[in-house]
N, C-alpha and C. Protein backbone atom coordinates (compact mmCIF):
# COMPACT_ATOMS: atom_id res chain seq x y z
N UNK A 1 25.29 20.93 18.64
CA UNK A 1 24.54 19.88 19.30
C UNK A 1 23.05 20.02 19.06
N UNK A 2 22.59 21.25 19.09
CA UNK A 2 21.16 21.48 18.92
C UNK A 2 20.71 21.03 17.54
N UNK A 3 21.52 21.30 16.50
CA UNK A 3 21.17 20.91 15.14
C UNK A 3 21.14 19.40 14.99
N UNK A 4 22.06 18.73 15.63
CA UNK A 4 22.10 17.27 15.54
C UNK A 4 20.86 16.68 16.21
N UNK A 5 20.49 17.23 17.36
CA UNK A 5 19.29 16.75 18.06
C UNK A 5 18.04 17.00 17.22
N UNK A 6 17.98 18.19 16.57
CA UNK A 6 16.84 18.52 15.72
C UNK A 6 16.75 17.55 14.54
N UNK A 7 17.87 17.27 13.92
CA UNK A 7 17.89 16.33 12.79
C UNK A 7 17.49 14.93 13.24
N UNK A 8 17.97 14.50 14.39
CA UNK A 8 17.59 13.18 14.91
C UNK A 8 16.10 13.12 15.19
N UNK A 9 15.54 14.17 15.73
CA UNK A 9 14.09 14.20 15.98
C UNK A 9 13.29 14.16 14.69
N UNK A 10 13.76 14.86 13.67
CA UNK A 10 13.06 14.85 12.38
C UNK A 10 13.11 13.47 11.73
N UNK A 11 14.24 12.80 11.84
CA UNK A 11 14.37 11.47 11.25
C UNK A 11 13.50 10.43 11.96
N UNK A 12 13.29 10.61 13.25
CA UNK A 12 12.49 9.66 14.02
C UNK A 12 11.01 9.99 14.04
N UNK A 13 10.63 11.16 13.53
CA UNK A 13 9.23 11.59 13.55
C UNK A 13 8.47 10.88 12.44
N UNK A 14 7.41 10.18 12.79
CA UNK A 14 6.60 9.48 11.78
C UNK A 14 5.13 9.89 11.89
N UNK A 15 4.86 11.12 12.27
CA UNK A 15 3.48 11.57 12.47
C UNK A 15 2.72 11.71 11.16
N UNK A 16 3.38 11.95 10.04
CA UNK A 16 2.70 12.08 8.75
C UNK A 16 2.57 10.78 7.99
N UNK A 17 3.04 9.70 8.57
CA UNK A 17 3.05 8.41 7.88
C UNK A 17 1.65 7.92 7.57
N UNK A 18 0.71 8.07 8.48
CA UNK A 18 -0.65 7.59 8.25
C UNK A 18 -1.30 8.32 7.09
N UNK A 19 -1.09 9.61 7.00
CA UNK A 19 -1.68 10.40 5.93
C UNK A 19 -1.17 9.92 4.57
N UNK A 20 0.10 9.63 4.48
CA UNK A 20 0.67 9.16 3.22
C UNK A 20 0.09 7.80 2.85
N UNK A 21 -0.08 6.93 3.82
CA UNK A 21 -0.65 5.61 3.54
C UNK A 21 -2.09 5.74 3.05
N UNK A 22 -2.88 6.60 3.68
CA UNK A 22 -4.25 6.80 3.23
C UNK A 22 -4.28 7.39 1.82
N UNK A 23 -3.38 8.29 1.52
CA UNK A 23 -3.32 8.87 0.18
C UNK A 23 -2.97 7.82 -0.86
N UNK A 24 -2.05 6.91 -0.53
CA UNK A 24 -1.70 5.85 -1.47
C UNK A 24 -2.86 4.90 -1.70
N UNK A 25 -3.59 4.55 -0.65
CA UNK A 25 -4.75 3.68 -0.80
C UNK A 25 -5.80 4.36 -1.66
N UNK A 26 -6.04 5.65 -1.44
CA UNK A 26 -7.02 6.39 -2.24
C UNK A 26 -6.60 6.44 -3.71
N UNK A 27 -5.32 6.60 -3.97
CA UNK A 27 -4.82 6.65 -5.35
C UNK A 27 -5.01 5.31 -6.04
N UNK A 28 -4.75 4.22 -5.34
CA UNK A 28 -4.93 2.89 -5.93
C UNK A 28 -6.40 2.64 -6.22
N UNK A 29 -7.28 3.02 -5.31
CA UNK A 29 -8.71 2.85 -5.53
C UNK A 29 -9.20 3.70 -6.71
N UNK A 30 -8.66 4.90 -6.83
CA UNK A 30 -9.05 5.76 -7.95
C UNK A 30 -8.61 5.16 -9.28
N UNK A 31 -7.42 4.61 -9.33
CA UNK A 31 -6.95 3.97 -10.56
C UNK A 31 -7.80 2.75 -10.91
N UNK A 32 -8.18 1.98 -9.91
CA UNK A 32 -9.03 0.82 -10.16
C UNK A 32 -10.40 1.25 -10.67
N UNK A 33 -10.94 2.33 -10.09
CA UNK A 33 -12.25 2.82 -10.54
C UNK A 33 -12.19 3.32 -11.98
N UNK A 34 -11.14 4.02 -12.33
CA UNK A 34 -11.00 4.51 -13.71
C UNK A 34 -10.88 3.34 -14.67
N UNK A 35 -10.13 2.34 -14.30
CA UNK A 35 -10.00 1.16 -15.16
C UNK A 35 -11.32 0.44 -15.34
N UNK A 36 -12.09 0.30 -14.27
CA UNK A 36 -13.39 -0.36 -14.36
C UNK A 36 -14.36 0.46 -15.20
N UNK A 37 -14.34 1.77 -15.05
CA UNK A 37 -15.23 2.63 -15.82
C UNK A 37 -14.90 2.59 -17.31
N UNK A 38 -13.63 2.51 -17.63
CA UNK A 38 -13.23 2.43 -19.03
C UNK A 38 -13.77 1.15 -19.66
N UNK A 39 -13.71 0.07 -18.93
CA UNK A 39 -14.22 -1.20 -19.44
C UNK A 39 -15.73 -1.17 -19.57
N UNK A 40 -16.41 -0.61 -18.59
CA UNK A 40 -17.87 -0.56 -18.62
C UNK A 40 -18.39 0.39 -19.69
N UNK A 41 -17.64 1.41 -20.02
CA UNK A 41 -18.09 2.37 -21.02
C UNK A 41 -18.34 1.69 -22.35
N UNK A 42 -17.43 0.84 -22.77
CA UNK A 42 -17.58 0.14 -24.05
C UNK A 42 -18.78 -0.81 -24.01
N UNK A 43 -18.96 -1.51 -22.92
CA UNK A 43 -20.07 -2.45 -22.81
C UNK A 43 -21.41 -1.73 -22.84
N UNK A 44 -21.51 -0.63 -22.12
CA UNK A 44 -22.76 0.14 -22.09
C UNK A 44 -23.04 0.74 -23.46
N UNK A 45 -22.01 1.23 -24.10
CA UNK A 45 -22.18 1.81 -25.45
C UNK A 45 -22.68 0.75 -26.42
N UNK A 46 -22.15 -0.45 -26.34
CA UNK A 46 -22.61 -1.52 -27.22
C UNK A 46 -24.07 -1.88 -26.97
N UNK A 47 -24.47 -1.91 -25.71
CA UNK A 47 -25.86 -2.23 -25.39
C UNK A 47 -26.81 -1.15 -25.91
N UNK A 48 -26.45 0.11 -25.76
CA UNK A 48 -27.29 1.19 -26.29
C UNK A 48 -27.39 1.11 -27.80
N UNK A 49 -26.29 0.77 -28.46
CA UNK A 49 -26.33 0.61 -29.91
C UNK A 49 -27.25 -0.53 -30.34
N UNK A 50 -27.22 -1.63 -29.59
CA UNK A 50 -28.12 -2.76 -29.89
C UNK A 50 -29.57 -2.35 -29.77
N UNK A 51 -29.89 -1.63 -28.69
CA UNK A 51 -31.28 -1.19 -28.47
C UNK A 51 -31.67 -0.19 -29.57
N UNK A 52 -30.77 0.71 -29.90
CA UNK A 52 -31.07 1.70 -30.95
C UNK A 52 -31.29 1.04 -32.29
N UNK A 53 -30.53 0.02 -32.61
CA UNK A 53 -30.70 -0.68 -33.88
C UNK A 53 -31.97 -1.51 -33.91
N UNK A 54 -32.40 -1.99 -32.76
CA UNK A 54 -33.63 -2.78 -32.68
C UNK A 54 -34.85 -1.91 -32.92
N UNK A 55 -34.76 -0.65 -32.54
CA UNK A 55 -35.90 0.24 -32.73
C UNK A 55 -35.96 0.67 -34.15
């Protein structure tokens, strides 16, 4: 009986749920930031090349 009660309590426990949600949000934001930086890297590189060629 004690094991069944322990298992039922573990299944109903959702105390770590918020932490997992915050971690997922942080992971999505990190992926978006990496994607944006990859795009900006090419644009910035092209601008520096234009300025270098003008000089």
